[in-house]
Amino acid sequence: MPASTKKAQPETVALFISDLHLQASMPRTAQAFFDFLRTHAMKAQQMYLLGDIFEYWAGDDDIGTPFKQQVVDAIRQVSNAGVAVFWMAGNRDFLVGDAFAKAAGATILPDPTIASIAGKKIALTHGDAQCTDDVAYMAFRAQVRQQEWQHAFLAMPLEKRKAIIEGLRKDSQEAQRAKSCEIMDVNADAISSLFDTFDVSIMIHGHTHRPARHAYHQNDGERVRHVLPDWDYEDSPARGGWIKIELDGTIKRFDADGQELD
């Protein structure tokens, strides 16, 4: 009898992306995402989508829109291939619900989530909740995350919801012009509190569009915060990239061209 063969574990334990802001008007960015799924995600054990994958999400009854259906189907193919797909809401797509999760084959995670990956305990968050210096945004965030507000909003006709979202997007763009970069970045105390509360030394988040590796030296060792990039492949040079965790726990960062960063 021939010896049984066991399928080797993928070398990539987990992949992390965020802030793609996918929309039909940005086809090159969408294609970069589809290429990422086919080339990289299919070879991983897990994939984490940490918010703002869509430019906006008006509700799960919008899945039938051709472009959004294409994205959902592409994610589903990764899930069907045996990759565990995890979704965390961002500030643009926090209305994703159970119907989306079922269609995409994804598990919705609370923000923040503490994950054990390749022997490491990691705090995962979108990042907007830590931008506490932006008082106006934090008040808006608190309002739209309330169940009562969401139920009332989702009860409106889909086209009305889309019109409201479009207005909110324009207001947000105008407001951002008047805000300093520091206000729109994460607050140091909020980040420190997250590290302390969950007793972790590694954090991964997006939202700020400021990709980097931040190291903090504490008495009990080093803390590292990895910030994911936003994606925009419409112009040159392209912006984008991802984070990968390998079997031995090594964390690597990659740019828009798939080149490993130092």
Protein backbone atom coordinates (compact mmCIF):
# COMPACT_ATOMS: atom_id res chain seq x y z
CA MET A 1 0.00 0.00 0.00
CA PRO A 2 1.50 3.37 -0.95
CA ALA A 3 2.45 5.67 1.89
CA SER A 4 -0.14 8.32 2.61
CA THR A 5 0.76 11.83 1.61
CA LYS A 6 -0.12 14.83 3.74
CA LYS A 7 -0.64 18.20 2.13
CA ALA A 8 2.09 20.61 3.19
CA GLN A 9 1.04 23.68 5.13
CA PRO A 10 1.39 26.93 3.19
CA GLU A 11 4.48 28.88 4.24
CA THR A 12 2.34 31.99 4.53
CA VAL A 13 0.25 31.73 7.69
CA ALA A 14 -1.53 35.07 7.35
CA LEU A 15 -1.87 38.05 5.01
CA PHE A 16 -3.16 41.49 6.00
CA ILE A 17 -4.50 44.27 3.80
CA SER A 18 -6.67 47.35 4.34
CA ASP A 19 -7.77 50.63 2.79
CA LEU A 20 -8.20 49.51 -0.81
CA HIS A 21 -11.27 51.76 -1.16
CA LEU A 22 -12.48 49.58 -4.03
CA GLN A 23 -14.89 51.26 -6.44
CA ALA A 24 -15.85 50.79 -10.08
CA SER A 25 -14.14 54.06 -11.04
CA MET A 26 -10.74 52.62 -10.02
CA PRO A 27 -10.41 49.50 -12.22
CA ARG A 28 -6.62 49.20 -11.95
CA THR A 29 -6.80 49.11 -8.17
CA ALA A 30 -9.53 46.48 -8.34
CA GLN A 31 -7.44 44.42 -10.74
CA ALA A 32 -4.45 44.68 -8.40
CA PHE A 33 -6.67 43.27 -5.65
CA PHE A 34 -7.85 40.40 -7.84
CA ASP A 35 -4.22 39.67 -8.77
CA PHE A 36 -3.27 39.70 -5.07
CA LEU A 37 -6.00 37.21 -4.27
CA ARG A 38 -4.96 34.86 -7.06
CA THR A 39 -1.20 35.15 -6.61
CA HIS A 40 -0.81 35.48 -2.83
CA ALA A 41 -4.02 34.88 -0.88
CA MET A 42 -4.66 31.51 -2.49
CA LYS A 43 -1.33 30.34 -1.05
CA ALA A 44 -2.01 31.44 2.52
CA GLN A 45 -3.70 29.81 5.49
CA GLN A 46 -5.51 32.98 6.53
CA MET A 47 -6.35 36.39 5.05
CA TYR A 48 -7.34 39.40 7.13
CA LEU A 49 -9.19 42.31 5.51
CA LEU A 50 -8.84 45.10 8.05
CA GLY A 51 -11.33 47.69 6.89
CA ASP A 52 -12.12 50.11 4.07
CA ILE A 53 -11.84 47.37 1.48
CA PHE A 54 -14.74 49.17 -0.23
CA GLU A 55 -14.93 52.92 -0.72
CA TYR A 56 -18.37 52.65 0.82
CA TRP A 57 -20.94 49.99 1.71
CA ALA A 58 -24.57 51.12 1.81
CA GLY A 59 -25.89 47.81 3.11
CA ASP A 60 -25.91 44.13 2.24
CA ASP A 61 -28.75 44.67 -0.23
CA ASP A 62 -26.13 46.38 -2.43
CA ILE A 63 -24.28 43.10 -3.04
CA GLY A 64 -26.07 42.73 -6.37
CA THR A 65 -24.32 45.77 -7.84
CA PRO A 66 -22.13 44.23 -10.60
CA PHE A 67 -18.82 45.61 -9.32
CA LYS A 68 -19.47 44.71 -5.69
CA GLN A 69 -20.70 41.26 -6.72
CA GLN A 70 -17.42 40.79 -8.59
CA VAL A 71 -15.42 41.65 -5.48
CA VAL A 72 -17.55 39.42 -3.24
CA ASP A 73 -17.20 36.53 -5.69
CA ALA A 74 -13.42 36.97 -5.82
CA ILE A 75 -13.16 36.81 -2.02
CA ARG A 76 -15.44 33.77 -2.01
CA GLN A 77 -13.08 31.95 -4.36
CA VAL A 78 -10.29 32.39 -1.81
CA SER A 79 -12.52 31.06 0.96
CA ASN A 80 -13.61 28.13 -1.21
CA ALA A 81 -9.94 27.27 -1.73
CA GLY A 82 -9.63 26.58 2.00
CA VAL A 83 -8.22 29.93 3.12
CA ALA A 84 -9.76 31.31 6.31
CA VAL A 85 -10.99 34.81 5.45
CA PHE A 86 -11.54 37.40 8.18
CA TRP A 87 -13.21 40.79 7.80
CA MET A 88 -13.00 43.82 10.09
CA ALA A 89 -15.11 46.91 9.49
CA GLY A 90 -13.50 50.18 8.51
CA ASN A 91 -14.92 53.67 8.64
CA ARG A 92 -16.18 53.30 5.04
CA ASP A 93 -17.66 49.80 5.12
CA PHE A 94 -18.88 49.34 8.69
CA LEU A 95 -22.37 48.43 7.45
CA VAL A 96 -21.17 45.07 6.13
CA GLY A 97 -23.36 42.41 7.70
CA ASP A 98 -24.14 38.73 7.86
CA ALA A 99 -25.41 38.48 4.28
CA PHE A 100 -22.10 39.82 2.99
CA ALA A 101 -20.15 37.49 5.26
CA LYS A 102 -22.10 34.48 4.02
CA ALA A 103 -21.73 35.46 0.36
CA ALA A 104 -18.00 36.13 0.68
CA GLY A 105 -17.24 33.18 2.95
CA ALA A 106 -15.78 35.53 5.55
CA THR A 107 -15.84 35.70 9.34
CA ILE A 108 -16.60 39.18 10.70
CA LEU A 109 -14.27 40.22 13.52
CA PRO A 110 -14.92 42.82 16.22
CA ASP A 111 -12.62 45.83 16.41
CA PRO A 112 -10.24 45.34 18.11
CA THR A 113 -9.51 41.62 17.87
CA ILE A 114 -6.68 39.74 19.54
CA ALA A 115 -5.43 36.94 17.28
CA SER A 116 -2.94 34.14 17.93
CA ILE A 117 -0.98 33.71 14.71
CA ALA A 118 2.16 31.59 14.28
CA GLY A 119 2.76 31.65 18.02
CA LYS A 120 2.34 35.42 18.30
CA LYS A 121 -0.39 37.34 20.11
CA ILE A 122 -1.38 40.25 17.88
CA ALA A 123 -3.82 43.13 18.28
CA LEU A 124 -5.74 43.83 15.08
CA THR A 125 -7.72 47.02 14.55
CA HIS A 126 -8.77 49.21 11.66
CA GLY A 127 -7.22 52.21 13.41
CA ASP A 128 -9.89 54.90 13.25
CA ALA A 129 -10.95 54.34 16.87
CA GLN A 130 -7.46 55.36 17.95
CA CYS A 131 -7.60 58.74 16.13
CA THR A 132 -8.93 60.35 19.29
CA ASP A 133 -7.48 63.81 18.56
CA ASP A 134 -10.03 64.18 15.76
CA VAL A 135 -12.90 65.06 18.09
CA ALA A 136 -15.43 65.72 15.31
CA TYR A 137 -14.78 62.37 13.67
CA MET A 138 -14.95 60.49 16.97
CA ALA A 139 -18.39 62.01 17.65
CA PHE A 140 -19.56 60.99 14.16
CA ARG A 141 -18.12 57.50 14.63
CA ALA A 142 -19.92 57.06 17.94
CA GLN A 143 -23.22 58.05 16.30
CA VAL A 144 -23.06 55.79 13.23
CA ARG A 145 -21.87 52.75 15.19
CA GLN A 146 -25.03 52.78 17.32
CA GLN A 147 -27.46 49.98 16.46
CA GLU A 148 -30.41 52.37 16.52
CA TRP A 149 -28.79 54.67 13.94
CA GLN A 150 -27.83 51.76 11.71
CA HIS A 151 -31.30 50.19 11.85
CA ALA A 152 -32.91 53.51 10.90
CA PHE A 153 -30.40 54.11 8.11
CA LEU A 154 -30.71 50.62 6.63
CA ALA A 155 -34.51 50.97 6.64
CA MET A 156 -34.21 53.70 4.01
CA PRO A 157 -34.34 52.86 0.29
CA LEU A 158 -30.95 51.86 -1.10
CA GLU A 159 -30.68 54.79 -3.51
CA LYS A 160 -31.43 57.26 -0.72
CA ARG A 161 -28.72 55.67 1.42
CA LYS A 162 -26.24 56.01 -1.45
CA ALA A 163 -27.11 59.68 -1.87
CA ILE A 164 -26.59 60.32 1.84
CA ILE A 165 -23.25 58.51 1.77
CA GLU A 166 -22.13 60.54 -1.24
CA GLY A 167 -22.92 63.72 0.68
CA LEU A 168 -21.04 62.47 3.73
CA ARG A 169 -18.01 61.63 1.55
CA LYS A 170 -17.92 65.17 0.13
CA ASP A 171 -18.27 66.68 3.61
CA SER A 172 -15.46 64.45 4.86
CA GLN A 173 -13.13 65.48 2.04
CA GLU A 174 -13.75 69.15 2.75
CA ALA A 175 -13.26 68.68 6.49
CA GLN A 176 -9.98 66.85 5.98
CA ARG A 177 -8.52 69.83 4.11
CA ALA A 178 -8.84 71.89 7.27
CA LYS A 179 -7.33 69.26 9.58
CA SER A 180 -3.66 68.76 10.32
CA CYS A 181 -2.00 65.44 9.55
CA GLU A 182 -1.34 64.98 13.26
CA ILE A 183 -5.04 65.20 14.13
CA MET A 184 -5.90 62.53 11.56
CA ASP A 185 -3.21 60.14 12.81
CA VAL A 186 -3.57 57.76 15.74
CA ASN A 187 -3.13 59.13 19.23
CA ALA A 188 -0.07 57.82 21.09
CA ASP A 189 -1.96 57.35 24.36
CA ALA A 190 -4.76 55.46 22.59
CA ILE A 191 -2.22 53.12 21.03
CA SER A 192 -0.43 52.60 24.34
CA SER A 193 -3.75 51.85 26.04
CA LEU A 194 -4.55 49.20 23.42
CA PHE A 195 -1.17 47.54 23.97
CA ASP A 196 -1.69 47.63 27.74
CA THR A 197 -5.32 46.53 27.81
CA PHE A 198 -4.70 43.38 25.80
CA ASP A 199 -1.14 42.73 26.99
CA VAL A 200 0.29 42.39 23.49
CA SER A 201 3.56 43.48 21.92
CA ILE A 202 2.47 43.48 18.26
CA MET A 203 -0.25 45.52 16.58
CA ILE A 204 -1.41 45.73 12.96
CA HIS A 205 -3.79 48.41 11.69
CA GLY A 206 -4.61 50.58 8.71
CA HIS A 207 -6.78 53.70 8.28
CA THR A 208 -4.09 56.40 8.45
CA HIS A 209 -2.58 55.72 4.99
CA ARG A 210 0.86 56.07 6.61
CA PRO A 211 2.52 52.68 6.10
CA ALA A 212 5.37 52.11 8.53
CA ARG A 213 6.87 49.93 11.22
CA HIS A 214 6.93 51.69 14.60
CA ALA A 215 9.01 50.21 17.43
CA TYR A 216 8.54 51.24 21.06
CA HIS A 217 11.02 50.18 23.70
CA GLN A 218 9.48 49.35 27.06
CA ASN A 219 10.97 48.08 30.30
CA ASP A 220 9.48 44.67 29.59
CA GLY A 221 10.67 44.57 25.96
CA GLU A 222 9.81 45.96 22.55
CA ARG A 223 6.38 46.77 21.16
CA VAL A 224 5.90 46.95 17.40
CA ARG A 225 3.06 48.63 15.51
CA HIS A 226 2.70 47.84 11.82
CA VAL A 227 0.64 50.27 9.73
CA LEU A 228 -0.82 49.01 6.46
CA PRO A 229 -0.81 51.14 3.29
CA ASP A 230 -3.78 52.34 1.31
CA TRP A 231 -4.08 51.18 -2.31
CA ASP A 232 -4.21 53.30 -5.48
CA TYR A 233 -2.99 51.73 -8.71
CA GLU A 234 -4.65 54.24 -11.03
CA ASP A 235 -1.54 56.41 -11.40
CA SER A 236 2.20 55.90 -11.29
CA PRO A 237 3.82 55.25 -8.93
CA ALA A 238 1.19 52.95 -7.49
CA ARG A 239 0.43 52.79 -3.78
CA GLY A 240 -0.36 49.57 -2.02
CA GLY A 241 1.08 46.57 -0.26
CA TRP A 242 0.46 44.06 2.47
CA ILE A 243 1.87 42.33 5.52
CA LYS A 244 2.68 38.64 5.71
CA ILE A 245 3.35 36.35 8.67
CA GLU A 246 5.29 33.18 7.92
CA LEU A 247 5.28 29.78 9.67
CA ASP A 248 8.16 30.74 11.95
CA GLY A 249 6.39 33.94 13.02
CA THR A 250 8.46 36.27 10.85
CA ILE A 251 6.53 39.41 9.89
CA LYS A 252 7.30 40.89 6.48
CA ARG A 253 6.03 44.03 4.74
CA PHE A 254 5.56 44.35 0.97
CA ASP A 255 5.03 47.34 -1.30
CA ALA A 256 2.68 47.86 -4.24
CA ASP A 257 5.02 45.93 -6.56
CA GLY A 258 5.25 42.98 -4.20
CA GLN A 259 8.80 43.87 -3.17
CA GLU A 260 9.78 43.16 0.42
CA LEU A 261 10.48 46.26 2.51
CA ASP A 262 13.28 46.56 5.04
